[in-house]
């Protein structure tokens, strides 16, 4: 039973898309994912996120960004 639930979660749902349009989710993104979304290099994200005013989260020694913070940045600057 549980494997069916996980498969459904991996496929995603319309609710996830609604959360994104309503300001994003708490999902953590890697610098690589943010770079692909912003169409810049991963190094640029790592060097410029503070200048751009994007909040970062440290998970151990890894840098992560909340999806909702990236959505807010895009709406403020390009929306």
Protein backbone atom coordinates (compact mmCIF):
# COMPACT_ATOMS: atom_id res chain seq x y z
CA UNK A 1 0.00 0.00 0.00
CA UNK A 2 2.70 2.46 0.95
CA UNK A 3 4.54 2.10 -2.37
CA UNK A 4 1.39 3.27 -4.20
CA UNK A 5 1.29 6.37 -2.02
CA UNK A 6 4.94 7.14 -2.78
CA UNK A 7 4.37 6.68 -6.50
CA UNK A 8 1.50 9.18 -6.35
CA UNK A 9 3.67 11.69 -4.47
CA UNK A 10 6.49 11.35 -7.03
CA UNK A 11 4.12 11.97 -9.93
CA UNK A 12 2.90 15.13 -8.27
CA UNK A 13 -0.59 16.56 -8.18
CA UNK A 14 -2.51 19.66 -9.12
CA UNK A 15 -2.32 20.77 -5.49
CA UNK A 16 1.46 21.15 -5.83
CA UNK A 17 1.00 23.40 -8.85
CA UNK A 18 -1.58 25.49 -6.98
CA UNK A 19 0.90 25.98 -4.14
CA UNK A 20 3.48 27.20 -6.64
CA UNK A 21 1.14 29.75 -8.17
CA UNK A 22 0.03 30.86 -4.70
CA UNK A 23 3.57 31.85 -3.69
CA UNK A 24 5.58 28.64 -3.90
CA UNK A 25 6.21 25.80 -1.53
CA UNK A 26 8.66 25.06 1.23
CA UNK A 27 10.49 22.60 -1.04
CA UNK A 28 14.25 23.07 -0.88
CA UNK A 29 16.06 23.61 -4.17
CA UNK A 30 19.73 23.05 -4.91
CA UNK A 31 21.81 25.87 -6.40
CA UNK A 32 21.80 23.86 -9.64
CA UNK A 33 17.97 23.82 -9.74
CA UNK A 34 17.79 27.56 -8.99
CA UNK A 35 20.38 28.25 -11.71
CA UNK A 36 18.33 26.32 -14.27
CA UNK A 37 15.19 28.23 -13.24
CA UNK A 38 16.90 31.63 -13.42
CA UNK A 39 18.87 30.68 -16.55
CA UNK A 40 22.26 31.49 -15.01
CA UNK A 41 25.18 29.31 -13.95
CA UNK A 42 25.31 27.52 -10.60
CA UNK A 43 28.42 29.56 -9.69
CA UNK A 44 26.48 32.79 -10.36
CA UNK A 45 23.73 31.67 -7.97
CA UNK A 46 26.27 30.85 -5.26
CA UNK A 47 28.07 34.18 -5.70
CA UNK A 48 25.06 36.50 -6.17
CA UNK A 49 22.17 35.19 -4.05
CA UNK A 50 22.97 37.63 -1.22
CA UNK A 51 23.20 40.57 -3.63
CA UNK A 52 19.87 39.57 -5.15
CA UNK A 53 18.29 39.37 -1.68
CA UNK A 54 17.44 35.67 -1.90
CA UNK A 55 17.39 33.88 1.45
CA UNK A 56 19.41 30.68 1.63
CA UNK A 57 19.18 27.75 4.02
CA UNK A 58 22.17 25.71 5.12
CA UNK A 59 21.57 21.98 5.39
CA UNK A 60 24.76 20.86 7.04
CA UNK A 61 27.35 22.43 4.76
CA UNK A 62 25.06 22.40 1.73
CA UNK A 63 23.34 25.50 0.37
CA UNK A 64 19.60 25.23 -0.34
CA UNK A 65 16.88 27.70 -1.34
CA UNK A 66 13.18 27.57 -0.54
CA UNK A 67 11.05 27.43 -3.66
CA UNK A 68 8.73 30.11 -2.26
CA UNK A 69 11.68 32.51 -1.84
CA UNK A 70 12.67 32.06 -5.49
CA UNK A 71 9.06 32.62 -6.59
CA UNK A 72 8.89 35.78 -4.45
CA UNK A 73 12.17 37.06 -5.93
CA UNK A 74 10.92 36.49 -9.48
CA UNK A 75 7.57 38.18 -8.77
CA UNK A 76 9.23 41.21 -7.14
CA UNK A 77 11.82 41.71 -9.86
CA UNK A 78 10.26 40.34 -13.03
CA UNK A 79 6.56 39.92 -12.31
